[in-house]
Amino acid sequence: MQPRNMSMSGVVDLAAVKAAGEAKAKAEQARAAAARQGGGSDAGVPGAVAPSALVIDVDEAGFELDVLELSHQVPVVIDFWAEWCEPCKQLSPVLERLITGANGRLVLAKIDVDANQMLMQQFGVQGIPAVFAVVAGQALPLFQGAVPEQQIRETLGQLIQVAEERYGLTGIVVDPSQGGAGGAAGTGGADEEPEGPYDALLEAAVVALDGGDLGGAVQAYKNVLADDPANSEAKLGLAQAELLARVQHMDPQDVRAAAAANPTDPAAQIAAADLDMAGGHVQDAFGRLVDAVRVTAGDDRDAVRVRLLELFEVIGADDPRVPAARTALARVLF
């Protein structure tokens, strides 16, 4: 699947939406924030959301908070629908299932056109069902009508790739323990958890890392990801092993001297950021690359941006330093 096939041309100007709903949105923000804080007090994973939060109903008053602001963390797919629309009733369950199955990489916002005429007009919706996406505050049309599931699946896959590669958005953390689709609601303890299908490969990777066999560790993690691309443990392990492999033969003094002497040299800044990260100086690494993005352009800027996204994987998307760095990156990019 080629993310470049998804064009960002034809985006919808959301400035009018934001201005028209600003007064009502401010009141709704306080209400929504209070409700969310109250509902998250028993969360099993800090900062995580329940699977049910991946599908939300949105109106004009809550659009700025629930769609525009959220889109800087995760791509928001908008489903324009109506109760009387039979094709909508065919499409909506498919969208809900696929987006919930994306495990936090997407959020679905459902907008009833009968109750939200202003949003319908602002997006230029001519017929329903109509599906759009909002990514980092920009909206783009995806498709109209009850299209085949495979086409929806491919479109959403491209959206996820574009959001990550172009905007650095890797989604939000989902906590299955808060309810929704996930495991059965049984009372079994941890000793009843079945052994995962990749436990042996993951253990082999850890053993290789401990023994200094970085090449073996990298290959073991890649073997897991070849069959299970979403395996979070393998993604994290691979990013860490590749980082260690990159820095193992570096001369720290030479690398840092080169970076200090050449602030606009992407290769020098990338190498120094790798050393920062390997040494546990996470914020220094992120800050260095964000600064490098600011002063570079074209392929050089893209190389720095890609390495920054790779370093996000080293500590995992749920680390609070990652969203802060993503916000800083978005500011210098846009």
C-alpha atoms as a PDB file:
ATOM      1  CA  MET A   1       0.000   0.000   0.000  1.00  0.00           C
ATOM      2  CA  GLN A   2       1.511   3.328  -1.059  1.00  0.00           C
ATOM      3  CA  PRO A   3       0.680   6.266   1.189  1.00  0.00           C
ATOM      4  CA  ARG A   4       1.720   8.693  -1.497  1.00  0.00           C
ATOM      5  CA  ASN A   5      -1.451   7.707  -3.377  1.00  0.00           C
ATOM      6  CA  MET A   6      -3.449   9.627  -0.789  1.00  0.00           C
ATOM      7  CA  SER A   7      -3.284  13.282  -1.768  1.00  0.00           C
ATOM      8  CA  MET A   8      -3.689  16.103   0.713  1.00  0.00           C
ATOM      9  CA  SER A   9      -5.058  18.307  -2.064  1.00  0.00           C
ATOM     10  CA  GLY A  10      -8.677  19.352  -1.883  1.00  0.00           C
ATOM     11  CA  VAL A  11      -8.538  19.869   1.856  1.00  0.00           C
ATOM     12  CA  VAL A  12     -11.447  21.635   3.482  1.00  0.00           C
ATOM     13  CA  ASP A  13     -10.841  25.047   5.055  1.00  0.00           C
ATOM     14  CA  LEU A  14     -11.944  24.614   8.644  1.00  0.00           C
ATOM     15  CA  ALA A  15     -11.361  28.208   9.730  1.00  0.00           C
ATOM     16  CA  ALA A  16     -15.024  29.124   9.345  1.00  0.00           C
ATOM     17  CA  VAL A  17     -16.102  26.076  11.297  1.00  0.00           C
ATOM     18  CA  LYS A  18     -13.755  26.969  14.106  1.00  0.00           C
ATOM     19  CA  ALA A  19     -14.855  30.596  14.214  1.00  0.00           C
ATOM     20  CA  ALA A  20     -18.566  29.833  14.053  1.00  0.00           C
ATOM     21  CA  GLY A  21     -18.453  27.296  16.842  1.00  0.00           C
ATOM     22  CA  GLU A  22     -15.873  28.978  19.080  1.00  0.00           C
ATOM     23  CA  ALA A  23     -18.234  30.422  21.658  1.00  0.00           C
ATOM     24  CA  LYS A  24     -20.230  27.229  22.084  1.00  0.00           C
ATOM     25  CA  ALA A  25     -17.101  25.111  21.941  1.00  0.00           C
ATOM     26  CA  LYS A  26     -15.527  26.848  24.932  1.00  0.00           C
ATOM     27  CA  ALA A  27     -18.478  25.947  27.103  1.00  0.00           C
ATOM     28  CA  GLU A  28     -18.447  22.404  25.813  1.00  0.00           C
ATOM     29  CA  GLN A  29     -14.710  22.046  26.440  1.00  0.00           C
ATOM     30  CA  ALA A  30     -15.151  22.542  30.152  1.00  0.00           C
ATOM     31  CA  ARG A  31     -17.997  20.053  30.248  1.00  0.00           C
ATOM     32  CA  ALA A  32     -16.168  17.461  28.153  1.00  0.00           C
ATOM     33  CA  ALA A  33     -12.918  17.823  30.091  1.00  0.00           C
ATOM     34  CA  ALA A  34     -14.709  17.320  33.388  1.00  0.00           C
ATOM     35  CA  ALA A  35     -16.553  14.294  32.073  1.00  0.00           C
ATOM     36  CA  ARG A  36     -13.396  12.731  30.714  1.00  0.00           C
ATOM     37  CA  GLN A  37     -11.436  13.316  33.867  1.00  0.00           C
ATOM     38  CA  GLY A  38     -14.181  11.776  35.909  1.00  0.00           C
ATOM     39  CA  GLY A  39     -14.457   8.776  33.631  1.00  0.00           C
ATOM     40  CA  GLY A  40     -10.730   8.089  33.607  1.00  0.00           C
ATOM     41  CA  SER A  41     -10.081   7.811  37.319  1.00  0.00           C
ATOM     42  CA  ASP A  42     -10.068   4.036  37.316  1.00  0.00           C
ATOM     43  CA  ALA A  43      -8.060   3.605  34.132  1.00  0.00           C
ATOM     44  CA  GLY A  44      -5.608   0.749  34.200  1.00  0.00           C
ATOM     45  CA  VAL A  45      -3.133   2.459  31.852  1.00  0.00           C
ATOM     46  CA  PRO A  46      -2.149   6.088  32.580  1.00  0.00           C
ATOM     47  CA  GLY A  47      -3.256   8.408  29.774  1.00  0.00           C
ATOM     48  CA  ALA A  48      -5.087   5.610  27.970  1.00  0.00           C
ATOM     49  CA  VAL A  49      -8.661   5.706  26.712  1.00  0.00           C
ATOM     50  CA  ALA A  50     -11.354   3.069  26.658  1.00  0.00           C
ATOM     51  CA  PRO A  51     -12.065   1.316  23.323  1.00  0.00           C
ATOM     52  CA  SER A  52     -15.523   2.928  23.386  1.00  0.00           C
ATOM     53  CA  ALA A  53     -13.835   6.360  23.126  1.00  0.00           C
ATOM     54  CA  LEU A  54     -12.650   5.516  19.608  1.00  0.00           C
ATOM     55  CA  VAL A  55     -16.182   6.090  18.244  1.00  0.00           C
ATOM     56  CA  ILE A  56     -17.799   9.386  19.264  1.00  0.00           C
ATOM     57  CA  ASP A  57     -20.838  11.467  18.352  1.00  0.00           C
ATOM     58  CA  VAL A  58     -19.875  15.037  17.470  1.00  0.00           C
ATOM     59  CA  ASP A  59     -21.955  18.197  17.041  1.00  0.00           C
ATOM     60  CA  GLU A  60     -21.149  21.759  16.021  1.00  0.00           C
ATOM     61  CA  ALA A  61     -20.531  22.877  19.607  1.00  0.00           C
ATOM     62  CA  GLY A  62     -17.960  20.177  20.298  1.00  0.00           C
ATOM     63  CA  PHE A  63     -16.298  20.098  16.891  1.00  0.00           C
ATOM     64  CA  GLU A  64     -13.239  22.171  17.828  1.00  0.00           C
ATOM     65  CA  LEU A  65     -12.392  20.074  20.881  1.00  0.00           C
ATOM     66  CA  ASP A  66     -13.542  16.646  19.752  1.00  0.00           C
ATOM     67  CA  VAL A  67     -12.214  16.815  16.173  1.00  0.00           C
ATOM     68  CA  LEU A  68      -9.830  19.710  15.509  1.00  0.00           C
ATOM     69  CA  GLU A  69      -7.795  19.445  18.702  1.00  0.00           C
ATOM     70  CA  LEU A  70      -7.937  15.663  18.784  1.00  0.00           C
ATOM     71  CA  SER A  71      -6.657  15.498  15.189  1.00  0.00           C
ATOM     72  CA  HIS A  72      -3.246  16.710  16.399  1.00  0.00           C
ATOM     73  CA  GLN A  73      -2.933  13.441  18.341  1.00  0.00           C
ATOM     74  CA  VAL A  74      -4.692  10.964  16.064  1.00  0.00           C
ATOM     75  CA  PRO A  75      -6.384  11.084  12.631  1.00  0.00           C
ATOM     76  CA  VAL A  76     -10.132  11.629  13.039  1.00  0.00           C
ATOM     77  CA  VAL A  77     -12.403  10.006  10.447  1.00  0.00           C
ATOM     78  CA  ILE A  78     -15.745  11.803  10.051  1.00  0.00           C
ATOM     79  CA  ASP A  79     -18.872   9.878   9.090  1.00  0.00           C
ATOM     80  CA  PHE A  80     -21.660  12.186   7.892  1.00  0.00           C
ATOM     81  CA  TRP A  81     -24.906  10.246   8.299  1.00  0.00           C
ATOM     82  CA  ALA A  82     -28.645  10.516   9.019  1.00  0.00           C
ATOM     83  CA  GLU A  83     -31.191   8.225  10.617  1.00  0.00           C
ATOM     84  CA  TRP A  84     -33.256   8.012   7.419  1.00  0.00           C
ATOM     85  CA  CYS A  85     -30.241   7.081   5.241  1.00  0.00           C
ATOM     86  CA  GLU A  86     -30.195   3.337   4.493  1.00  0.00           C
ATOM     87  CA  PRO A  87     -26.678   3.312   2.924  1.00  0.00           C
ATOM     88  CA  CYS A  88     -25.468   5.054   6.092  1.00  0.00           C
ATOM     89  CA  LYS A  89     -26.780   2.159   8.140  1.00  0.00           C
ATOM     90  CA  GLN A  90     -24.744  -0.215   5.963  1.00  0.00           C
ATOM     91  CA  LEU A  91     -21.552   1.830   6.112  1.00  0.00           C
ATOM     92  CA  SER A  92     -21.454   2.958   9.747  1.00  0.00           C
ATOM     93  CA  PRO A  93     -21.040  -0.500  11.355  1.00  0.00           C
ATOM     94  CA  VAL A  94     -18.178  -1.296   8.965  1.00  0.00           C
ATOM     95  CA  LEU A  95     -16.419   1.961   9.797  1.00  0.00           C
ATOM     96  CA  GLU A  96     -16.915   1.429  13.525  1.00  0.00           C
ATOM     97  CA  ARG A  97     -15.519  -2.105  13.372  1.00  0.00           C
ATOM     98  CA  LEU A  98     -12.469  -1.208  11.265  1.00  0.00           C
ATOM     99  CA  ILE A  99     -11.599   1.900  13.244  1.00  0.00           C
ATOM    100  CA  THR A 100     -12.038   0.202  16.604  1.00  0.00           C
ATOM    101  CA  GLY A 101      -9.849  -2.611  15.259  1.00  0.00           C
ATOM    102  CA  ALA A 102      -7.100  -0.101  14.455  1.00  0.00           C
ATOM    103  CA  ASN A 103      -6.459   0.026  18.226  1.00  0.00           C
ATOM    104  CA  GLY A 104      -6.000   3.750  18.668  1.00  0.00           C
ATOM    105  CA  ARG A 105      -4.491   4.634  15.298  1.00  0.00           C
ATOM    106  CA  LEU A 106      -7.807   6.253  14.252  1.00  0.00           C
ATOM    107  CA  VAL A 107     -10.886   7.787  15.882  1.00  0.00           C
ATOM    108  CA  LEU A 108     -14.341   7.872  14.292  1.00  0.00           C
ATOM    109  CA  ALA A 109     -16.495  10.996  14.704  1.00  0.00           C
ATOM    110  CA  LYS A 110     -20.141  10.519  13.693  1.00  0.00           C
ATOM    111  CA  ILE A 111     -22.008  13.665  12.626  1.00  0.00           C
ATOM    112  CA  ASP A 112     -25.783  13.673  12.129  1.00  0.00           C
ATOM    113  CA  VAL A 113     -26.348  16.004   9.164  1.00  0.00           C
ATOM    114  CA  ASP A 114     -29.933  16.800  10.161  1.00  0.00           C
ATOM    115  CA  ALA A 115     -28.742  18.260  13.470  1.00  0.00           C
ATOM    116  CA  ASN A 116     -25.523  19.827  12.162  1.00  0.00           C
ATOM    117  CA  GLN A 117     -26.316  21.608   8.904  1.00  0.00           C
ATOM    118  CA  MET A 118     -23.473  24.107   9.290  1.00  0.00           C
ATOM    119  CA  LEU A 119     -20.842  21.367   9.402  1.00  0.00           C
ATOM    120  CA  MET A 120     -22.417  19.636   6.424  1.00  0.00           C
ATOM    121  CA  GLN A 121     -22.288  22.861   4.395  1.00  0.00           C
ATOM    122  CA  GLN A 122     -18.770  23.735   5.492  1.00  0.00           C
ATOM    123  CA  PHE A 123     -17.449  20.378   4.332  1.00  0.00           C
ATOM    124  CA  GLY A 124     -19.378  20.701   1.078  1.00  0.00           C
ATOM    125  CA  VAL A 125     -21.254  17.455   1.605  1.00  0.00           C
ATOM    126  CA  GLN A 126     -23.546  16.844  -1.373  1.00  0.00           C
ATOM    127  CA  GLY A 127     -24.875  13.439  -0.377  1.00  0.00           C
ATOM    128  CA  ILE A 128     -24.574  10.904   2.405  1.00  0.00           C
ATOM    129  CA  PRO A 129     -22.962   8.811   3.602  1.00  0.00           C
ATOM    130  CA  ALA A 130     -19.874  10.970   3.139  1.00  0.00           C
ATOM    131  CA  VAL A 131     -16.569  10.235   4.845  1.00  0.00           C
ATOM    132  CA  PHE A 132     -13.777  12.719   5.528  1.00  0.00           C
ATOM    133  CA  ALA A 133     -10.638  12.710   7.643  1.00  0.00           C
ATOM    134  CA  VAL A 134      -9.094  15.480   9.731  1.00  0.00           C
ATOM    135  CA  VAL A 135      -5.338  15.202  10.265  1.00  0.00           C
ATOM    136  CA  ALA A 136      -3.380  17.813  12.212  1.00  0.00           C
ATOM    137  CA  GLY A 137      -6.228  20.295  11.756  1.00  0.00           C
ATOM    138  CA  GLN A 138      -6.598  19.713   8.013  1.00  0.00           C
ATOM    139  CA  ALA A 139      -9.578  17.949   6.465  1.00  0.00           C
ATOM    140  CA  LEU A 140      -9.633  15.883   3.308  1.00  0.00           C
ATOM    141  CA  PRO A 141     -12.373  13.877   1.602  1.00  0.00           C
ATOM    142  CA  LEU A 142     -12.027  10.095   1.673  1.00  0.00           C
ATOM    143  CA  PHE A 143     -15.059   8.669  -0.124  1.00  0.00           C
ATOM    144  CA  GLN A 144     -18.825   8.955  -0.553  1.00  0.00           C
ATOM    145  CA  GLY A 145     -21.412   6.205  -0.467  1.00  0.00           C
ATOM    146  CA  ALA A 146     -21.422   2.692   0.965  1.00  0.00           C
ATOM    147  CA  VAL A 147     -18.222   1.519  -0.735  1.00  0.00           C
ATOM    148  CA  PRO A 148     -16.868  -2.065  -0.434  1.00  0.00           C
ATOM    149  CA  GLU A 149     -15.165  -2.965   2.829  1.00  0.00           C
ATOM    150  CA  GLN A 150     -11.855  -3.766   1.150  1.00  0.00           C
ATOM    151  CA  GLN A 151     -11.745  -0.275  -0.338  1.00  0.00           C
ATOM    152  CA  ILE A 152     -12.482   1.234   3.073  1.00  0.00           C
ATOM    153  CA  ARG A 153      -9.775  -0.908   4.652  1.00  0.00           C
ATOM    154  CA  GLU A 154      -7.192   0.218   2.072  1.00  0.00           C
ATOM    155  CA  THR A 155      -8.167   3.871   2.423  1.00  0.00           C
ATOM    156  CA  LEU A 156      -7.884   3.775   6.205  1.00  0.00           C
ATOM    157  CA  GLY A 157      -4.541   2.011   5.927  1.00  0.00           C
ATOM    158  CA  GLN A 158      -3.233   4.769   3.677  1.00  0.00           C
ATOM    159  CA  LEU A 159      -4.571   7.387   6.074  1.00  0.00           C
ATOM    160  CA  ILE A 160      -2.692   5.817   8.985  1.00  0.00           C
ATOM    161  CA  GLN A 161       0.555   5.764   6.995  1.00  0.00           C
ATOM    162  CA  VAL A 162       0.194   9.347   5.783  1.00  0.00           C
ATOM    163  CA  ALA A 163      -0.585  10.547   9.308  1.00  0.00           C
ATOM    164  CA  GLU A 164       2.508   8.879  10.733  1.00  0.00           C
ATOM    165  CA  GLU A 165       4.967   9.586   7.944  1.00  0.00           C
ATOM    166  CA  ARG A 166       3.902  13.144   7.154  1.00  0.00           C
ATOM    167  CA  TYR A 167       2.662  14.389  10.510  1.00  0.00           C
ATOM    168  CA  GLY A 168       4.253  12.077  13.079  1.00  0.00           C
ATOM    169  CA  LEU A 169       0.877  10.911  14.424  1.00  0.00           C
ATOM    170  CA  THR A 170       0.924   7.351  15.727  1.00  0.00           C
ATOM    171  CA  GLY A 171      -2.390   7.427  17.567  1.00  0.00           C
ATOM    172  CA  ILE A 172      -3.537   7.208  21.155  1.00  0.00           C
ATOM    173  CA  VAL A 173      -3.126   4.475  23.753  1.00  0.00           C
ATOM    174  CA  VAL A 174      -6.128   2.189  24.286  1.00  0.00           C
ATOM    175  CA  ASP A 175      -6.679   0.357  27.567  1.00  0.00           C
ATOM    176  CA  PRO A 176      -8.795  -2.799  26.950  1.00  0.00           C
ATOM    177  CA  SER A 177      -9.391  -3.120  30.702  1.00  0.00           C
ATOM    178  CA  GLN A 178     -11.699  -0.106  30.500  1.00  0.00           C
ATOM    179  CA  GLY A 179     -14.218  -2.102  28.530  1.00  0.00           C
ATOM    180  CA  GLY A 180     -15.250  -2.507  24.924  1.00  0.00           C
ATOM    181  CA  ALA A 181     -13.878  -4.982  22.428  1.00  0.00           C
ATOM    182  CA  GLY A 182     -11.044  -6.976  23.860  1.00  0.00           C
ATOM    183  CA  GLY A 183     -10.823  -9.979  26.086  1.00  0.00           C
ATOM    184  CA  ALA A 184     -13.664 -11.756  27.761  1.00  0.00           C
ATOM    185  CA  ALA A 185     -14.768 -10.390  31.094  1.00  0.00           C
ATOM    186  CA  GLY A 186     -13.598 -13.362  33.085  1.00  0.00           C
ATOM    187  CA  THR A 187     -11.981 -13.558  36.498  1.00  0.00           C
ATOM    188  CA  GLY A 188      -8.858 -15.473  35.523  1.00  0.00           C
ATOM    189  CA  GLY A 189      -5.534 -14.337  36.906  1.00  0.00           C
ATOM    190  CA  ALA A 190      -2.252 -13.667  35.184  1.00  0.00           C
ATOM    191  CA  ASP A 191      -1.289 -17.340  35.413  1.00  0.00           C
ATOM    192  CA  GLU A 192      -4.099 -18.134  32.973  1.00  0.00           C
ATOM    193  CA  GLU A 193      -2.715 -15.879  30.249  1.00  0.00           C
ATOM    194  CA  PRO A 194      -1.808 -18.045  27.243  1.00  0.00           C
ATOM    195  CA  GLU A 195       1.682 -17.943  25.870  1.00  0.00           C
ATOM    196  CA  GLY A 196       1.914 -15.588  22.910  1.00  0.00           C
ATOM    197  CA  PRO A 197       2.783 -16.974  19.477  1.00  0.00           C
ATOM    198  CA  TYR A 198       5.991 -14.917  19.282  1.00  0.00           C
ATOM    199  CA  ASP A 199       7.268 -15.332  22.841  1.00  0.00           C
ATOM    200  CA  ALA A 200      10.141 -17.585  21.738  1.00  0.00           C
ATOM    201  CA  LEU A 201      11.324 -15.134  19.073  1.00  0.00           C
ATOM    202  CA  LEU A 202      11.028 -12.194  21.440  1.00  0.00           C
ATOM    203  CA  GLU A 203      12.991 -14.062  24.091  1.00  0.00           C
ATOM    204  CA  ALA A 204      15.659 -14.891  21.514  1.00  0.00           C
ATOM    205  CA  ALA A 205      15.924 -11.205  20.656  1.00  0.00           C
ATOM    206  CA  VAL A 206      16.407 -10.271  24.314  1.00  0.00           C
ATOM    207  CA  VAL A 207      19.089 -12.942  24.718  1.00  0.00           C
ATOM    208  CA  ALA A 208      20.858 -11.626  21.617  1.00  0.00           C
ATOM    209  CA  LEU A 209      20.732  -8.076  22.973  1.00  0.00           C
ATOM    210  CA  ASP A 210      22.129  -9.154  26.327  1.00  0.00           C
ATOM    211  CA  GLY A 211      24.940 -10.983  24.532  1.00  0.00           C
ATOM    212  CA  GLY A 212      25.838  -7.986  22.385  1.00  0.00           C
ATOM    213  CA  ASP A 213      24.576  -9.620  19.177  1.00  0.00           C
ATOM    214  CA  LEU A 214      22.763  -6.578  17.846  1.00  0.00           C
ATOM    215  CA  GLY A 215      22.418  -8.012  14.350  1.00  0.00           C
ATOM    216  CA  GLY A 216      20.774 -11.133  15.725  1.00  0.00           C
ATOM    217  CA  ALA A 217      18.409  -9.086  17.880  1.00  0.00           C
ATOM    218  CA  VAL A 218      17.412  -6.895  14.938  1.00  0.00           C
ATOM    219  CA  GLN A 219      16.683  -9.939  12.798  1.00  0.00           C
ATOM    220  CA  ALA A 220      14.653 -11.653  15.543  1.00  0.00           C
ATOM    221  CA  TYR A 221      12.452  -8.592  15.979  1.00  0.00           C
ATOM    222  CA  LYS A 222      12.043  -8.256  12.214  1.00  0.00           C
ATOM    223  CA  ASN A 223      10.940 -11.887  12.042  1.00  0.00           C
ATOM    224  CA  VAL A 224       8.141 -11.138  14.505  1.00  0.00           C
ATOM    225  CA  LEU A 225       7.082  -7.993  12.667  1.00  0.00           C
ATOM    226  CA  ALA A 226       7.042  -9.804   9.331  1.00  0.00           C
ATOM    227  CA  ASP A 227       4.083 -11.840  10.619  1.00  0.00           C
ATOM    228  CA  ASP A 228       2.650  -9.323  13.080  1.00  0.00           C
ATOM    229  CA  PRO A 229       3.431  -5.727  11.979  1.00  0.00           C
ATOM    230  CA  ALA A 230       1.504  -4.245  14.921  1.00  0.00           C
ATOM    231  CA  ASN A 231       3.399  -6.154  17.626  1.00  0.00           C
ATOM    232  CA  SER A 232       4.273  -3.330  20.024  1.00  0.00           C
ATOM    233  CA  GLU A 233       6.969  -5.247  21.912  1.00  0.00           C
ATOM    234  CA  ALA A 234       8.782  -6.125  18.701  1.00  0.00           C
ATOM    235  CA  LYS A 235       8.513  -2.558  17.367  1.00  0.00           C
ATOM    236  CA  LEU A 236       9.959  -1.159  20.565  1.00  0.00           C
ATOM    237  CA  GLY A 237      12.725  -3.768  20.700  1.00  0.00           C
ATOM    238  CA  LEU A 238      13.662  -3.283  17.051  1.00  0.00           C
ATOM    239  CA  ALA A 239      13.915   0.485  17.447  1.00  0.00           C
ATOM    240  CA  GLN A 240      16.159   0.084  20.476  1.00  0.00           C
ATOM    241  CA  ALA A 241      18.366  -2.572  18.855  1.00  0.00           C
ATOM    242  CA  GLU A 242      18.793  -0.503  15.686  1.00  0.00           C
ATOM    243  CA  LEU A 243      19.720   2.538  17.765  1.00  0.00           C
ATOM    244  CA  LEU A 244      22.393   0.599  19.643  1.00  0.00           C
ATOM    245  CA  ALA A 245      23.734  -0.768  16.358  1.00  0.00           C
ATOM    246  CA  ARG A 246      24.019   2.746  14.932  1.00  0.00           C
ATOM    247  CA  VAL A 247      25.964   4.166  17.886  1.00  0.00           C
ATOM    248  CA  GLN A 248      28.192   1.225  18.812  1.00  0.00           C
ATOM    249  CA  HIS A 249      31.120   2.357  16.657  1.00  0.00           C
ATOM    250  CA  MET A 250      30.700   6.121  17.061  1.00  0.00           C
ATOM    251  CA  ASP A 251      33.338   8.311  18.678  1.00  0.00           C
ATOM    252  CA  PRO A 252      31.164  10.517  20.914  1.00  0.00           C
ATOM    253  CA  GLN A 253      33.701  13.368  21.021  1.00  0.00           C
ATOM    254  CA  ASP A 254      33.993  13.523  17.236  1.00  0.00           C
ATOM    255  CA  VAL A 255      30.212  13.242  16.707  1.00  0.00           C
ATOM    256  CA  ARG A 256      29.401  16.041  19.140  1.00  0.00           C
ATOM    257  CA  ALA A 257      32.125  18.279  17.770  1.00  0.00           C
ATOM    258  CA  ALA A 258      30.782  17.810  14.235  1.00  0.00           C
ATOM    259  CA  ALA A 259      27.220  18.579  15.368  1.00  0.00           C
ATOM    260  CA  ALA A 260      28.324  21.751  17.167  1.00  0.00           C
ATOM    261  CA  ALA A 261      30.292  22.942  14.134  1.00  0.00           C
ATOM    262  CA  ASN A 262      27.563  22.131  11.601  1.00  0.00           C
ATOM    263  CA  PRO A 263      24.108  22.983  13.008  1.00  0.00           C
ATOM    264  CA  THR A 264      22.460  22.715   9.577  1.00  0.00           C
ATOM    265  CA  ASP A 265      24.115  19.415   8.612  1.00  0.00           C
ATOM    266  CA  PRO A 266      21.363  16.774   8.918  1.00  0.00           C
ATOM    267  CA  ALA A 267      23.776  13.840   9.150  1.00  0.00           C
ATOM    268  CA  ALA A 268      25.732  15.480  11.982  1.00  0.00           C
ATOM    269  CA  GLN A 269      22.589  16.323  13.940  1.00  0.00           C
ATOM    270  CA  ILE A 270      21.083  12.863  13.407  1.00  0.00           C
ATOM    271  CA  ALA A 271      24.238  11.162  14.666  1.00  0.00           C
ATOM    272  CA  ALA A 272      24.377  13.382  17.739  1.00  0.00           C
ATOM    273  CA  ALA A 273      20.687  12.775  18.447  1.00  0.00           C
ATOM    274  CA  ASP A 274      21.291   9.029  18.316  1.00  0.00           C
ATOM    275  CA  LEU A 275      24.038   9.444  20.914  1.00  0.00           C
ATOM    276  CA  ASP A 276      21.750  11.596  23.053  1.00  0.00           C
ATOM    277  CA  MET A 277      19.035   8.963  22.949  1.00  0.00           C
ATOM    278  CA  ALA A 278      21.379   6.053  23.613  1.00  0.00           C
ATOM    279  CA  GLY A 279      22.716   7.942  26.615  1.00  0.00           C
ATOM    280  CA  GLY A 280      19.235   8.475  28.022  1.00  0.00           C
ATOM    281  CA  HIS A 281      19.050  12.168  27.123  1.00  0.00           C
ATOM    282  CA  VAL A 282      15.655  11.810  25.437  1.00  0.00           C
ATOM    283  CA  GLN A 283      14.544  15.427  25.443  1.00  0.00           C
ATOM    284  CA  ASP A 284      17.943  16.564  24.185  1.00  0.00           C
ATOM    285  CA  ALA A 285      17.658  14.148  21.256  1.00  0.00           C
ATOM    286  CA  PHE A 286      14.131  15.278  20.393  1.00  0.00           C
ATOM    287  CA  GLY A 287      14.976  18.960  20.778  1.00  0.00           C
ATOM    288  CA  ARG A 288      18.074  18.642  18.596  1.00  0.00           C
ATOM    289  CA  LEU A 289      16.117  17.069  15.743  1.00  0.00           C
ATOM    290  CA  VAL A 290      13.216  19.506  16.008  1.00  0.00           C
ATOM    291  CA  ASP A 291      15.747  22.355  15.746  1.00  0.00           C
ATOM    292  CA  ALA A 292      17.337  20.618  12.761  1.00  0.00           C
ATOM    293  CA  VAL A 293      13.957  20.344  11.030  1.00  0.00           C
ATOM    294  CA  ARG A 294      13.520  24.092  11.547  1.00  0.00           C
ATOM    295  CA  VAL A 295      16.764  24.985   9.740  1.00  0.00           C
ATOM    296  CA  THR A 296      16.688  22.429   6.922  1.00  0.00           C
ATOM    297  CA  ALA A 297      14.546  21.900   3.824  1.00  0.00           C
ATOM    298  CA  GLY A 298      13.706  19.332   1.183  1.00  0.00           C
ATOM    299  CA  ASP A 299      15.322  15.908   1.455  1.00  0.00           C
ATOM    300  CA  ASP A 300      17.516  17.044   4.360  1.00  0.00           C
ATOM    301  CA  ARG A 301      14.484  18.054   6.395  1.00  0.00           C
ATOM    302  CA  ASP A 302      12.721  14.819   5.534  1.00  0.00           C
ATOM    303  CA  ALA A 303      15.721  12.747   6.678  1.00  0.00           C
ATOM    304  CA  VAL A 304      15.754  14.516  10.040  1.00  0.00           C
ATOM    305  CA  ARG A 305      11.992  14.174  10.449  1.00  0.00           C
ATOM    306  CA  VAL A 306      12.090  10.442   9.699  1.00  0.00           C
ATOM    307  CA  ARG A 307      14.853   9.865  12.251  1.00  0.00           C
ATOM    308  CA  LEU A 308      12.820  11.769  14.848  1.00  0.00           C
ATOM    309  CA  LEU A 309       9.849   9.476  14.194  1.00  0.00           C
ATOM    310  CA  GLU A 310      12.180   6.481  14.565  1.00  0.00           C
ATOM    311  CA  LEU A 311      13.393   7.765  17.916  1.00  0.00           C
ATOM    312  CA  PHE A 312       9.794   8.079  19.074  1.00  0.00           C
ATOM    313  CA  GLU A 313       9.612   4.302  18.691  1.00  0.00           C
ATOM    314  CA  VAL A 314      12.650   3.821  20.946  1.00  0.00           C
ATOM    315  CA  ILE A 315      10.742   4.906  24.058  1.00  0.00           C
ATOM    316  CA  GLY A 316       7.216   4.079  22.873  1.00  0.00           C
ATOM    317  CA  ALA A 317       4.263   6.262  21.926  1.00  0.00           C
ATOM    318  CA  ASP A 318       2.835   6.278  25.466  1.00  0.00           C
ATOM    319  CA  ASP A 319       5.840   8.121  26.904  1.00  0.00           C
ATOM    320  CA  PRO A 320       4.688  11.700  27.687  1.00  0.00           C
ATOM    321  CA  ARG A 321       7.776  13.159  26.028  1.00  0.00           C
ATOM    322  CA  VAL A 322       6.649  11.835  22.646  1.00  0.00           C
ATOM    323  CA  PRO A 323       3.425  13.863  22.233  1.00  0.00           C
ATOM    324  CA  ALA A 324       5.274  16.981  23.423  1.00  0.00           C
ATOM    325  CA  ALA A 325       7.911  16.445  20.742  1.00  0.00           C
ATOM    326  CA  ARG A 326       5.224  15.759  18.125  1.00  0.00           C
ATOM    327  CA  THR A 327       3.608  19.087  18.947  1.00  0.00           C
ATOM    328  CA  ALA A 328       6.975  20.855  18.631  1.00  0.00           C
ATOM    329  CA  LEU A 329       7.568  19.117  15.298  1.00  0.00           C
ATOM    330  CA  ALA A 330       4.161  20.161  13.971  1.00  0.00           C
ATOM    331  CA  ARG A 331       4.876  23.768  14.901  1.00  0.00           C
ATOM    332  CA  VAL A 332       8.085  23.913  12.876  1.00  0.00           C
ATOM    333  CA  LEU A 333       6.587  22.017   9.946  1.00  0.00           C
ATOM    334  CA  PHE A 334       3.418  24.062   9.655  1.00  0.00           C
END
